[in-house]
Amino acid sequence: MNRRLIWLMGCVAGIFSCWLFPLFHVVTLKTATAEKAAATFNATLFAEMFWTNQLPTALEKTVTAQILLPAIQSDAAAAKKKFSRSLGLGEGYFYFLRGEGKIISVSDDELILTVTENSTNAEISLQTGLIFGNALRDGTGLLSANDYPNSQDFNDISAALNHIVETRVLPELREQAKVGAKISFVGCAEVGDEATDLKPLKVIPIQTEVQ
């Protein structure tokens, strides 16, 4: 009798434990799909929110081309130390800048600008072809790799931001750009090779206005 009572009490305890801590949950396919989608990082949505909400507040924190370019000409290492940002990975670094200049050359892949008064030298190359690299993601200093343990998510942010520029900024810029026109711009520059990336400084535009 005691054995039967003990066995019965054990069954009741087991059933109660399973009720409190179920071994599995039964959910509908629709719910499971929604939960999986919510757990998956959406780089496109993130980039949209970043572009709309975070980036505009940082545009005034740029260095002007009129200050940066002479600094680079005078002492590239000192300019790098004072004005650039770096992720600490490799030799590459980034500038976040704004400026005004005159378009002196137009091609399918770039607009060449002079920004120094009375100068005819190529000083800025606004990139207008397909956008590669991480200048937009890393140049502003607003995003950190440490916040994204999954490196693929961080890479996807870069691709999504590049796509925004390719589809929203560049079409209008290419349509309006003409030799001799004045232009104001805000953008990011990625310097991987100082011998080729500084003269002219290659800038991916974030915001432009052709006058």
N, C-alpha and C. Protein backbone atom coordinates (compact mmCIF):
# COMPACT_ATOMS: atom_id res chain seq x y z
N MET A 1 0.84 -1.21 0.00
CA MET A 1 0.00 0.00 0.00
C MET A 1 0.88 1.26 0.00
N ASN A 2 1.94 1.22 0.82
CA ASN A 2 2.83 2.37 0.89
C ASN A 2 3.56 2.60 -0.42
N ARG A 3 3.96 1.42 -1.05
CA ARG A 3 4.63 1.54 -2.34
C ARG A 3 3.72 2.18 -3.37
N ARG A 4 2.49 1.75 -3.41
CA ARG A 4 1.54 2.31 -4.37
C ARG A 4 1.34 3.80 -4.13
N LEU A 5 1.28 4.18 -2.87
CA LEU A 5 1.07 5.60 -2.53
C LEU A 5 2.29 6.42 -2.95
N ILE A 6 3.47 5.86 -2.70
CA ILE A 6 4.71 6.57 -3.08
C ILE A 6 4.78 6.72 -4.60
N TRP A 7 4.43 5.62 -5.29
CA TRP A 7 4.46 5.65 -6.77
C TRP A 7 3.48 6.69 -7.31
N LEU A 8 2.29 6.74 -6.73
CA LEU A 8 1.26 7.69 -7.15
C LEU A 8 1.71 9.12 -6.89
N MET A 9 2.31 9.33 -5.73
CA MET A 9 2.79 10.69 -5.40
C MET A 9 3.92 11.10 -6.36
N GLY A 10 4.78 10.12 -6.74
CA GLY A 10 5.84 10.42 -7.69
C GLY A 10 5.29 10.81 -9.05
N CYS A 11 4.25 10.11 -9.50
CA CYS A 11 3.63 10.44 -10.79
C CYS A 11 3.03 11.83 -10.77
N VAL A 12 2.36 12.14 -9.67
CA VAL A 12 1.74 13.46 -9.56
C VAL A 12 2.81 14.55 -9.58
N ALA A 13 3.91 14.30 -8.85
CA ALA A 13 5.01 15.29 -8.82
C ALA A 13 5.62 15.46 -10.20
N GLY A 14 5.76 14.34 -10.92
CA GLY A 14 6.33 14.41 -12.26
C GLY A 14 5.45 15.20 -13.21
N ILE A 15 4.15 14.93 -13.14
CA ILE A 15 3.20 15.65 -14.01
C ILE A 15 3.22 17.15 -13.68
N PHE A 16 3.28 17.46 -12.39
CA PHE A 16 3.29 18.87 -11.98
C PHE A 16 4.55 19.56 -12.47
N SER A 17 5.71 18.85 -12.40
CA SER A 17 6.97 19.43 -12.86
C SER A 17 6.94 19.70 -14.36
N CYS A 18 6.37 18.75 -15.12
CA CYS A 18 6.28 18.95 -16.57
C CYS A 18 5.37 20.11 -16.92
N TRP A 19 4.33 20.31 -16.08
CA TRP A 19 3.42 21.42 -16.33
C TRP A 19 4.13 22.75 -16.07
N LEU A 20 4.96 22.77 -15.00
CA LEU A 20 5.69 24.00 -14.69
C LEU A 20 6.84 24.22 -15.66
N PHE A 21 7.53 23.16 -16.02
CA PHE A 21 8.71 23.26 -16.89
C PHE A 21 8.57 22.29 -18.06
N PRO A 22 7.76 22.64 -19.03
CA PRO A 22 7.52 21.73 -20.15
C PRO A 22 8.80 21.46 -20.94
N LEU A 23 8.89 20.21 -21.43
CA LEU A 23 10.07 19.80 -22.19
C LEU A 23 10.07 20.41 -23.58
N PHE A 24 8.93 20.77 -24.11
CA PHE A 24 8.84 21.39 -25.42
C PHE A 24 7.57 22.22 -25.50
N HIS A 25 7.55 23.13 -26.45
CA HIS A 25 6.37 23.97 -26.68
C HIS A 25 5.82 23.67 -28.06
N VAL A 26 4.55 23.60 -28.15
CA VAL A 26 3.90 23.41 -29.45
C VAL A 26 3.41 24.78 -29.92
N VAL A 27 3.92 25.23 -31.05
CA VAL A 27 3.51 26.52 -31.61
C VAL A 27 3.12 26.31 -33.05
N THR A 28 2.33 27.23 -33.57
CA THR A 28 1.93 27.15 -34.97
C THR A 28 3.11 27.50 -35.86
N LEU A 29 3.04 27.08 -37.12
CA LEU A 29 4.10 27.39 -38.08
C LEU A 29 4.23 28.89 -38.26
N LYS A 30 3.11 29.58 -38.26
CA LYS A 30 3.12 31.03 -38.43
C LYS A 30 3.87 31.70 -37.28
N THR A 31 3.61 31.24 -36.06
CA THR A 31 4.28 31.80 -34.89
C THR A 31 5.77 31.51 -34.92
N ALA A 32 6.12 30.27 -35.29
CA ALA A 32 7.53 29.89 -35.35
C ALA A 32 8.28 30.72 -36.38
N THR A 33 7.65 30.97 -37.53
CA THR A 33 8.28 31.77 -38.58
C THR A 33 8.48 33.20 -38.12
N ALA A 34 7.47 33.73 -37.42
CA ALA A 34 7.56 35.10 -36.92
C ALA A 34 8.67 35.23 -35.87
N GLU A 35 8.78 34.22 -34.99
CA GLU A 35 9.81 34.26 -33.96
C GLU A 35 11.20 34.18 -34.58
N LYS A 36 11.34 33.35 -35.62
CA LYS A 36 12.64 33.22 -36.28
C LYS A 36 13.01 34.52 -36.98
N ALA A 37 12.04 35.16 -37.63
CA ALA A 37 12.29 36.43 -38.32
C ALA A 37 12.70 37.51 -37.33
N ALA A 38 12.05 37.51 -36.16
CA ALA A 38 12.36 38.52 -35.15
C ALA A 38 13.77 38.33 -34.60
N ALA A 39 14.23 37.06 -34.55
CA ALA A 39 15.55 36.78 -34.02
C ALA A 39 16.66 37.02 -35.04
N THR A 40 16.30 37.15 -36.31
CA THR A 40 17.28 37.36 -37.37
C THR A 40 17.56 38.84 -37.55
N PHE A 41 18.83 39.21 -37.57
CA PHE A 41 19.20 40.62 -37.73
C PHE A 41 18.84 41.10 -39.13
N ASN A 42 18.14 42.21 -39.22
CA ASN A 42 17.72 42.77 -40.50
C ASN A 42 18.59 43.99 -40.80
N ALA A 43 19.64 43.77 -41.60
CA ALA A 43 20.58 44.85 -41.89
C ALA A 43 19.94 45.97 -42.69
N THR A 44 19.03 45.63 -43.58
CA THR A 44 18.37 46.65 -44.40
C THR A 44 17.55 47.60 -43.53
N LEU A 45 16.78 47.02 -42.62
CA LEU A 45 15.98 47.84 -41.71
C LEU A 45 16.87 48.66 -40.78
N PHE A 46 17.94 48.05 -40.29
CA PHE A 46 18.86 48.78 -39.42
C PHE A 46 19.48 49.95 -40.15
N ALA A 47 19.93 49.72 -41.37
CA ALA A 47 20.56 50.79 -42.15
C ALA A 47 19.58 51.93 -42.41
N GLU A 48 18.34 51.58 -42.66
CA GLU A 48 17.31 52.60 -42.89
C GLU A 48 17.12 53.47 -41.66
N MET A 49 17.04 52.84 -40.50
CA MET A 49 16.87 53.58 -39.25
C MET A 49 18.11 54.43 -38.95
N PHE A 50 19.28 53.87 -39.20
CA PHE A 50 20.52 54.60 -38.98
C PHE A 50 20.60 55.82 -39.89
N TRP A 51 20.28 55.63 -41.16
CA TRP A 51 20.35 56.70 -42.15
C TRP A 51 19.36 57.82 -41.82
N THR A 52 18.19 57.44 -41.32
CA THR A 52 17.13 58.42 -41.05
C THR A 52 17.28 59.10 -39.70
N ASN A 53 17.68 58.35 -38.68
CA ASN A 53 17.64 58.87 -37.31
C ASN A 53 18.99 59.26 -36.73
N GLN A 54 20.01 58.44 -36.95
CA GLN A 54 21.30 58.70 -36.31
C GLN A 54 22.22 59.58 -37.15
N LEU A 55 22.31 59.27 -38.42
CA LEU A 55 23.28 59.94 -39.27
C LEU A 55 23.08 61.45 -39.36
N PRO A 56 21.84 61.94 -39.52
CA PRO A 56 21.66 63.40 -39.65
C PRO A 56 22.22 64.19 -38.47
N THR A 57 22.18 63.62 -37.28
CA THR A 57 22.67 64.34 -36.10
C THR A 57 24.19 64.44 -36.08
N ALA A 58 24.86 63.64 -36.91
CA ALA A 58 26.32 63.62 -36.89
C ALA A 58 26.94 64.44 -38.02
N LEU A 59 26.12 64.92 -38.94
CA LEU A 59 26.66 65.59 -40.12
C LEU A 59 27.41 66.87 -39.79
N GLU A 60 27.04 67.51 -38.69
CA GLU A 60 27.72 68.75 -38.31
C GLU A 60 29.02 68.50 -37.55
N LYS A 61 29.31 67.23 -37.26
CA LYS A 61 30.53 66.90 -36.51
C LYS A 61 31.68 66.53 -37.44
N THR A 62 31.56 66.92 -38.67
CA THR A 62 32.59 66.60 -39.66
C THR A 62 33.69 67.66 -39.66
N VAL A 63 34.83 67.30 -40.21
CA VAL A 63 35.89 68.26 -40.44
C VAL A 63 35.70 68.82 -41.85
N THR A 64 35.98 70.08 -42.05
CA THR A 64 35.81 70.66 -43.38
C THR A 64 36.99 70.29 -44.27
N ALA A 65 36.69 70.14 -45.55
CA ALA A 65 37.74 69.85 -46.52
C ALA A 65 38.77 70.97 -46.56
N GLN A 66 38.33 72.20 -46.33
CA GLN A 66 39.24 73.35 -46.35
C GLN A 66 40.26 73.29 -45.22
N ILE A 67 39.92 72.56 -44.16
CA ILE A 67 40.88 72.35 -43.06
C ILE A 67 41.65 71.05 -43.26
N LEU A 68 40.95 70.01 -43.65
CA LEU A 68 41.57 68.69 -43.75
C LEU A 68 42.62 68.60 -44.85
N LEU A 69 42.30 69.09 -46.04
CA LEU A 69 43.23 68.91 -47.16
C LEU A 69 44.57 69.61 -46.94
N PRO A 70 44.59 70.86 -46.49
CA PRO A 70 45.90 71.47 -46.19
C PRO A 70 46.65 70.72 -45.09
N ALA A 71 45.91 70.17 -44.13
CA ALA A 71 46.55 69.42 -43.05
C ALA A 71 47.22 68.16 -43.60
N ILE A 72 46.54 67.49 -44.53
CA ILE A 72 47.11 66.29 -45.15
C ILE A 72 48.34 66.66 -45.97
N GLN A 73 48.24 67.77 -46.72
CA GLN A 73 49.37 68.21 -47.54
C GLN A 73 50.57 68.55 -46.68
N SER A 74 50.31 69.16 -45.55
CA SER A 74 51.40 69.60 -44.68
C SER A 74 52.05 68.43 -43.95
N ASP A 75 51.21 67.55 -43.36
CA ASP A 75 51.74 66.42 -42.59
C ASP A 75 50.64 65.36 -42.52
N ALA A 76 50.70 64.38 -43.42
CA ALA A 76 49.64 63.36 -43.51
C ALA A 76 49.51 62.57 -42.21
N ALA A 77 50.63 62.29 -41.56
CA ALA A 77 50.59 61.51 -40.32
C ALA A 77 49.90 62.30 -39.20
N ALA A 78 50.19 63.59 -39.12
CA ALA A 78 49.57 64.43 -38.10
C ALA A 78 48.08 64.61 -38.38
N ALA A 79 47.72 64.75 -39.66
CA ALA A 79 46.30 64.87 -40.03
C ALA A 79 45.55 63.59 -39.69
N LYS A 80 46.17 62.47 -39.96
CA LYS A 80 45.56 61.18 -39.62
C LYS A 80 45.30 61.09 -38.12
N LYS A 81 46.30 61.46 -37.33
CA LYS A 81 46.16 61.38 -35.88
C LYS A 81 45.07 62.31 -35.36
N LYS A 82 44.93 63.48 -35.94
CA LYS A 82 44.00 64.49 -35.43
C LYS A 82 42.57 64.31 -35.93
N PHE A 83 42.41 63.91 -37.20
CA PHE A 83 41.08 63.96 -37.81
C PHE A 83 40.49 62.59 -38.18
N SER A 84 41.29 61.55 -38.22
CA SER A 84 40.77 60.28 -38.75
C SER A 84 40.16 59.41 -37.67
N ARG A 85 39.46 58.37 -38.12
CA ARG A 85 38.94 57.32 -37.26
C ARG A 85 39.48 55.99 -37.77
N SER A 86 39.68 55.08 -36.84
CA SER A 86 40.20 53.77 -37.23
C SER A 86 39.57 52.70 -36.35
N LEU A 87 39.35 51.52 -36.93
CA LEU A 87 38.83 50.40 -36.16
C LEU A 87 39.95 49.64 -35.46
N GLY A 88 41.17 50.01 -35.73
CA GLY A 88 42.28 49.31 -35.13
C GLY A 88 42.62 48.01 -35.83
N LEU A 89 42.04 47.78 -37.01
CA LEU A 89 42.29 46.57 -37.78
C LEU A 89 43.05 46.95 -39.05
N GLY A 90 44.30 46.57 -39.14
CA GLY A 90 45.07 46.89 -40.34
C GLY A 90 45.51 48.34 -40.36
N GLU A 91 45.91 48.77 -41.54
CA GLU A 91 46.47 50.11 -41.73
C GLU A 91 45.42 51.15 -42.14
N GLY A 92 44.24 50.70 -42.53
CA GLY A 92 43.24 51.62 -43.06
C GLY A 92 42.65 52.55 -42.00
N TYR A 93 42.20 53.72 -42.45
CA TYR A 93 41.53 54.66 -41.57
C TYR A 93 40.54 55.49 -42.38
N PHE A 94 39.74 56.32 -41.69
CA PHE A 94 38.61 56.98 -42.32
C PHE A 94 38.54 58.46 -41.95
N TYR A 95 38.05 59.26 -42.89
CA TYR A 95 37.74 60.66 -42.64
C TYR A 95 36.24 60.88 -42.87
N PHE A 96 35.66 61.70 -42.01
CA PHE A 96 34.26 62.12 -42.12
C PHE A 96 34.31 63.63 -42.35
N LEU A 97 33.95 64.08 -43.54
CA LEU A 97 34.20 65.48 -43.89
C LEU A 97 33.06 66.10 -44.69
N ARG A 98 33.11 67.41 -44.75
CA ARG A 98 32.18 68.17 -45.59
C ARG A 98 32.98 69.26 -46.30
N GLY A 99 32.41 69.79 -47.36
CA GLY A 99 33.13 70.84 -48.06
C GLY A 99 32.34 71.40 -49.21
N GLU A 100 32.90 72.39 -49.85
CA GLU A 100 32.33 73.01 -51.05
C GLU A 100 33.43 73.08 -52.09
N GLY A 101 33.04 72.87 -53.32
CA GLY A 101 34.05 72.91 -54.36
C GLY A 101 33.46 73.14 -55.73
N LYS A 102 34.30 73.01 -56.72
CA LYS A 102 33.91 73.21 -58.11
C LYS A 102 34.22 71.93 -58.88
N ILE A 103 33.26 71.48 -59.67
CA ILE A 103 33.46 70.27 -60.47
C ILE A 103 34.33 70.60 -61.67
N ILE A 104 35.46 69.88 -61.77
CA ILE A 104 36.36 70.15 -62.90
C ILE A 104 36.43 68.96 -63.87
N SER A 105 35.82 67.83 -63.47
CA SER A 105 35.80 66.66 -64.36
C SER A 105 34.66 65.74 -63.97
N VAL A 106 34.01 65.15 -64.97
CA VAL A 106 32.89 64.23 -64.74
C VAL A 106 33.14 62.95 -65.53
N SER A 107 33.00 61.81 -64.86
CA SER A 107 33.07 60.52 -65.54
C SER A 107 32.00 59.61 -64.96
N ASP A 108 31.93 58.39 -65.45
CA ASP A 108 30.92 57.46 -64.97
C ASP A 108 31.13 57.07 -63.51
N ASP A 109 32.37 57.12 -63.04
CA ASP A 109 32.69 56.62 -61.71
C ASP A 109 33.02 57.68 -60.68
N GLU A 110 33.25 58.93 -61.12
CA GLU A 110 33.66 59.93 -60.15
C GLU A 110 33.45 61.35 -60.67
N LEU A 111 33.34 62.26 -59.70
CA LEU A 111 33.37 63.69 -59.98
C LEU A 111 34.63 64.23 -59.35
N ILE A 112 35.44 64.91 -60.12
CA ILE A 112 36.67 65.49 -59.59
C ILE A 112 36.39 66.95 -59.22
N LEU A 113 36.77 67.29 -57.98
CA LEU A 113 36.52 68.65 -57.47
C LEU A 113 37.82 69.33 -57.10
N THR A 114 37.79 70.63 -57.21
CA THR A 114 38.79 71.46 -56.57
C THR A 114 38.08 72.27 -55.50
N VAL A 115 38.66 72.32 -54.31
CA VAL A 115 38.00 73.01 -53.20
C VAL A 115 38.77 74.24 -52.73
N THR A 116 40.03 74.32 -53.11
CA THR A 116 40.84 75.48 -52.73
C THR A 116 40.60 76.62 -53.71
N GLU A 117 40.36 77.78 -53.19
CA GLU A 117 40.05 78.94 -54.03
C GLU A 117 41.18 79.19 -55.04
N ASN A 118 40.79 79.41 -56.29
CA ASN A 118 41.70 79.70 -57.40
C ASN A 118 42.60 78.52 -57.78
N SER A 119 42.32 77.34 -57.22
CA SER A 119 43.11 76.17 -57.57
C SER A 119 42.45 75.41 -58.73
N THR A 120 43.26 74.75 -59.53
CA THR A 120 42.73 73.90 -60.60
C THR A 120 43.15 72.44 -60.38
N ASN A 121 43.71 72.16 -59.21
CA ASN A 121 44.16 70.81 -58.92
C ASN A 121 43.01 69.90 -58.50
N ALA A 122 43.12 68.61 -58.84
CA ALA A 122 42.13 67.62 -58.40
C ALA A 122 42.36 67.34 -56.92
N GLU A 123 41.40 67.74 -56.08
CA GLU A 123 41.58 67.61 -54.63
C GLU A 123 40.62 66.61 -54.00
N ILE A 124 39.42 66.52 -54.55
CA ILE A 124 38.40 65.58 -54.04
C ILE A 124 37.86 64.77 -55.21
N SER A 125 37.73 63.46 -55.00
CA SER A 125 37.08 62.60 -55.98
C SER A 125 35.82 62.03 -55.34
N LEU A 126 34.66 62.57 -55.73
CA LEU A 126 33.39 62.03 -55.24
C LEU A 126 33.08 60.77 -56.03
N GLN A 127 32.95 59.66 -55.33
CA GLN A 127 32.72 58.38 -55.99
C GLN A 127 31.26 58.25 -56.42
N THR A 128 31.03 58.00 -57.70
CA THR A 128 29.66 57.95 -58.22
C THR A 128 29.34 56.62 -58.91
N GLY A 129 30.26 55.66 -58.86
CA GLY A 129 30.00 54.34 -59.42
C GLY A 129 29.48 53.41 -58.34
N LEU A 130 29.64 52.12 -58.54
CA LEU A 130 29.26 51.16 -57.51
C LEU A 130 30.10 51.39 -56.26
N ILE A 131 29.46 51.30 -55.10
CA ILE A 131 30.13 51.61 -53.84
C ILE A 131 30.57 50.32 -53.15
N PHE A 132 31.85 50.27 -52.82
CA PHE A 132 32.39 49.13 -52.10
C PHE A 132 33.08 49.63 -50.83
N GLY A 133 33.45 48.70 -49.97
CA GLY A 133 34.19 49.07 -48.77
C GLY A 133 33.29 49.45 -47.61
N ASN A 134 33.92 49.93 -46.54
CA ASN A 134 33.21 50.19 -45.28
C ASN A 134 33.25 51.65 -44.84
N ALA A 135 33.50 52.55 -45.77
CA ALA A 135 33.64 53.96 -45.41
C ALA A 135 32.38 54.51 -44.75
N LEU A 136 31.23 54.18 -45.29
CA LEU A 136 29.99 54.73 -44.75
C LEU A 136 29.69 54.16 -43.37
N ARG A 137 29.98 52.90 -43.18
CA ARG A 137 29.72 52.27 -41.89
C ARG A 137 30.69 52.75 -40.81
N ASP A 138 31.97 52.87 -41.18
CA ASP A 138 33.00 53.12 -40.18
C ASP A 138 33.45 54.57 -40.11
N GLY A 139 33.20 55.34 -41.15
CA GLY A 139 33.72 56.69 -41.21
C GLY A 139 33.10 57.66 -40.23
N THR A 140 31.85 57.44 -39.87
CA THR A 140 31.16 58.39 -38.99
C THR A 140 31.53 58.22 -37.53
N GLY A 141 32.01 57.03 -37.17
CA GLY A 141 32.32 56.76 -35.77
C GLY A 141 31.11 56.44 -34.92
N LEU A 142 29.94 56.28 -35.55
CA LEU A 142 28.72 56.02 -34.81
C LEU A 142 28.48 54.54 -34.54
N LEU A 143 29.13 53.67 -35.30
CA LEU A 143 28.91 52.24 -35.18
C LEU A 143 30.21 51.55 -34.76
N SER A 144 30.08 50.57 -33.87
CA SER A 144 31.24 49.86 -33.38
C SER A 144 31.09 48.36 -33.63
N ALA A 145 32.16 47.74 -34.07
CA ALA A 145 32.14 46.29 -34.31
C ALA A 145 31.87 45.53 -33.02
N ASN A 146 32.22 46.11 -31.87
CA ASN A 146 32.01 45.44 -30.59
C ASN A 146 30.54 45.25 -30.26
N ASP A 147 29.68 46.03 -30.91
CA ASP A 147 28.25 45.92 -30.66
C ASP A 147 27.60 44.81 -31.49
N TYR A 148 28.39 44.17 -32.36
CA TYR A 148 27.84 43.15 -33.25
C TYR A 148 28.74 41.92 -33.21
N PRO A 149 28.46 41.00 -32.25
CA PRO A 149 29.29 39.80 -32.12
C PRO A 149 29.35 38.98 -33.41
N ASN A 150 28.26 39.02 -34.17
CA ASN A 150 28.24 38.32 -35.45
C ASN A 150 28.84 39.24 -36.52
N SER A 151 30.04 38.90 -36.99
CA SER A 151 30.71 39.77 -37.95
C SER A 151 29.94 39.90 -39.25
N GLN A 152 29.15 38.88 -39.60
CA GLN A 152 28.38 38.95 -40.83
C GLN A 152 27.31 40.04 -40.74
N ASP A 153 26.72 40.21 -39.56
CA ASP A 153 25.73 41.29 -39.37
C ASP A 153 26.40 42.64 -39.61
N PHE A 154 27.62 42.80 -39.09
CA PHE A 154 28.33 44.07 -39.25
C PHE A 154 28.67 44.32 -40.72
N ASN A 155 29.04 43.28 -41.43
CA ASN A 155 29.33 43.40 -42.86
C ASN A 155 28.06 43.72 -43.65
N ASP A 156 26.94 43.14 -43.22
CA ASP A 156 25.67 43.39 -43.91
C ASP A 156 25.23 44.84 -43.76
N ILE A 157 25.54 45.46 -42.62
CA ILE A 157 25.23 46.87 -42.42
C ILE A 157 25.96 47.70 -43.46
N SER A 158 27.22 47.39 -43.68
CA SER A 158 28.02 48.13 -44.65
C SER A 158 27.40 48.03 -46.05
N ALA A 159 27.03 46.81 -46.44
CA ALA A 159 26.44 46.62 -47.77
C ALA A 159 25.12 47.36 -47.90
N ALA A 160 24.32 47.37 -46.83
CA ALA A 160 23.02 48.05 -46.87
C ALA A 160 23.19 49.56 -46.98
N LEU A 161 24.15 50.13 -46.27
CA LEU A 161 24.40 51.57 -46.36
C LEU A 161 24.92 51.95 -47.74
N ASN A 162 25.80 51.13 -48.29
CA ASN A 162 26.30 51.38 -49.65
C ASN A 162 25.15 51.38 -50.65
N HIS A 163 24.21 50.48 -50.45
CA HIS A 163 23.07 50.39 -51.37
C HIS A 163 22.20 51.64 -51.28
N ILE A 164 22.04 52.18 -50.09
CA ILE A 164 21.25 53.41 -49.94
C ILE A 164 21.88 54.54 -50.74
N VAL A 165 23.18 54.68 -50.66
CA VAL A 165 23.87 55.73 -51.43
C VAL A 165 23.71 55.49 -52.92
N GLU A 166 23.88 54.25 -53.34
CA GLU A 166 23.79 53.93 -54.77
C GLU A 166 22.41 54.23 -55.35
N THR A 167 21.37 54.04 -54.54
CA THR A 167 20.00 54.18 -55.06
C THR A 167 19.35 55.53 -54.76
N ARG A 168 19.86 56.25 -53.76
CA ARG A 168 19.20 57.49 -53.38
C ARG A 168 20.04 58.75 -53.62
N VAL A 169 21.34 58.63 -53.42
CA VAL A 169 22.20 59.81 -53.52
C VAL A 169 22.79 59.96 -54.92
N LEU A 170 23.32 58.88 -55.46
CA LEU A 170 24.06 58.97 -56.70
C LEU A 170 23.24 59.26 -57.95
N PRO A 171 22.04 58.71 -58.11
CA PRO A 171 21.30 59.00 -59.35
C PRO A 171 21.06 60.49 -59.57
N GLU A 172 20.63 61.19 -58.54
CA GLU A 172 20.38 62.63 -58.66
C GLU A 172 21.69 63.39 -58.86
N LEU A 173 22.74 62.95 -58.16
CA LEU A 173 24.03 63.61 -58.29
C LEU A 173 24.56 63.49 -59.72
N ARG A 174 24.49 62.30 -60.30
CA ARG A 174 24.98 62.11 -61.67
C ARG A 174 24.17 62.92 -62.66
N GLU A 175 22.89 63.06 -62.39
CA GLU A 175 22.02 63.81 -63.30
C GLU A 175 22.34 65.30 -63.27
N GLN A 176 22.69 65.83 -62.11
CA GLN A 176 22.89 67.26 -61.97
C GLN A 176 24.33 67.71 -62.22
N ALA A 177 25.28 66.79 -62.08
CA ALA A 177 26.69 67.18 -62.13
C ALA A 177 27.12 67.64 -63.52
N LYS A 178 27.75 68.79 -63.56
CA LYS A 178 28.29 69.34 -64.81
C LYS A 178 29.61 70.04 -64.51
N VAL A 179 30.53 69.97 -65.44
CA VAL A 179 31.80 70.66 -65.27
C VAL A 179 31.55 72.15 -65.09
N GLY A 180 32.17 72.73 -64.08
CA GLY A 180 32.01 74.14 -63.79
C GLY A 180 31.00 74.43 -62.71
N ALA A 181 30.15 73.45 -62.38
CA ALA A 181 29.12 73.66 -61.35
C ALA A 181 29.76 73.65 -59.96
N LYS A 182 29.17 74.42 -59.06
CA LYS A 182 29.60 74.40 -57.67
C LYS A 182 28.81 73.33 -56.92
N ILE A 183 29.45 72.72 -55.94
CA ILE A 183 28.81 71.62 -55.22
C ILE A 183 29.24 71.65 -53.76
N SER A 184 28.28 71.38 -52.89
CA SER A 184 28.59 71.16 -51.48
C SER A 184 28.34 69.68 -51.19
N PHE A 185 29.10 69.13 -50.26
CA PHE A 185 29.00 67.69 -50.02
C PHE A 185 29.34 67.35 -48.58
N VAL A 186 28.82 66.23 -48.15
CA VAL A 186 29.23 65.58 -46.91
C VAL A 186 29.48 64.12 -47.26
N GLY A 187 30.56 63.56 -46.75
CA GLY A 187 30.83 62.18 -47.10
C GLY A 187 31.92 61.57 -46.23
N CYS A 188 32.23 60.32 -46.54
CA CYS A 188 33.26 59.58 -45.82
C CYS A 188 34.32 59.10 -46.79
N ALA A 189 35.55 59.13 -46.35
CA ALA A 189 36.68 58.67 -47.15
C ALA A 189 37.39 57.54 -46.43
N GLU A 190 37.66 56.48 -47.15
CA GLU A 190 38.43 55.35 -46.60
C GLU A 190 39.82 55.38 -47.22
N VAL A 191 40.82 55.46 -46.38
CA VAL A 191 42.20 55.50 -46.85
C VAL A 191 42.87 54.17 -46.56
N GLY A 192 43.05 53.40 -47.61
CA GLY A 192 43.73 52.12 -47.46
C GLY A 192 45.16 52.19 -47.94
N ASP A 193 45.38 53.02 -48.95
CA ASP A 193 46.71 53.22 -49.53
C ASP A 193 46.90 54.72 -49.72
N GLU A 194 47.73 55.31 -48.90
CA GLU A 194 47.90 56.77 -48.93
C GLU A 194 48.43 57.26 -50.27
N ALA A 195 49.15 56.42 -50.97
CA ALA A 195 49.72 56.83 -52.26
C ALA A 195 48.64 57.05 -53.32
N THR A 196 47.52 56.35 -53.19
CA THR A 196 46.47 56.46 -54.21
C THR A 196 45.17 57.06 -53.68
N ASP A 197 44.94 57.02 -52.37
CA ASP A 197 43.64 57.45 -51.82
C ASP A 197 43.60 58.88 -51.31
N LEU A 198 44.75 59.54 -51.24
CA LEU A 198 44.76 60.90 -50.67
C LEU A 198 44.80 61.99 -51.73
N LYS A 199 45.33 61.71 -52.90
CA LYS A 199 45.50 62.73 -53.94
C LYS A 199 44.94 62.23 -55.26
N PRO A 200 43.68 62.54 -55.57
CA PRO A 200 42.71 63.25 -54.72
C PRO A 200 42.12 62.34 -53.65
N LEU A 201 41.54 62.95 -52.62
CA LEU A 201 40.90 62.20 -51.55
C LEU A 201 39.60 61.62 -52.07
N LYS A 202 39.47 60.30 -52.01
CA LYS A 202 38.29 59.62 -52.54
C LYS A 202 37.18 59.62 -51.49
N VAL A 203 36.06 60.26 -51.80
CA VAL A 203 34.98 60.46 -50.84
C VAL A 203 33.69 59.81 -51.36
N ILE A 204 33.05 59.04 -50.51
CA ILE A 204 31.72 58.51 -50.83
C ILE A 204 30.69 59.50 -50.29
N PRO A 205 29.88 60.07 -51.17
CA PRO A 205 28.95 61.12 -50.74
C PRO A 205 27.77 60.59 -49.94
N ILE A 206 27.43 61.31 -48.91
CA ILE A 206 26.22 61.03 -48.11
C ILE A 206 25.15 62.06 -48.44
N GLN A 207 25.58 63.26 -48.65
CA GLN A 207 24.66 64.37 -48.92
C GLN A 207 25.35 65.32 -49.88
N THR A 208 24.66 65.74 -50.93
CA THR A 208 25.24 66.67 -51.90
C THR A 208 24.20 67.70 -52.31
N GLU A 209 24.71 68.83 -52.78
CA GLU A 209 23.85 69.87 -53.36
C GLU A 209 24.62 70.56 -54.48
N VAL A 210 24.12 70.41 -55.69
CA VAL A 210 24.76 71.04 -56.84
C VAL A 210 24.09 72.37 -57.12
N GLN A 211 24.88 73.42 -57.27
CA GLN A 211 24.31 74.76 -57.47
C GLN A 211 24.43 75.17 -58.93
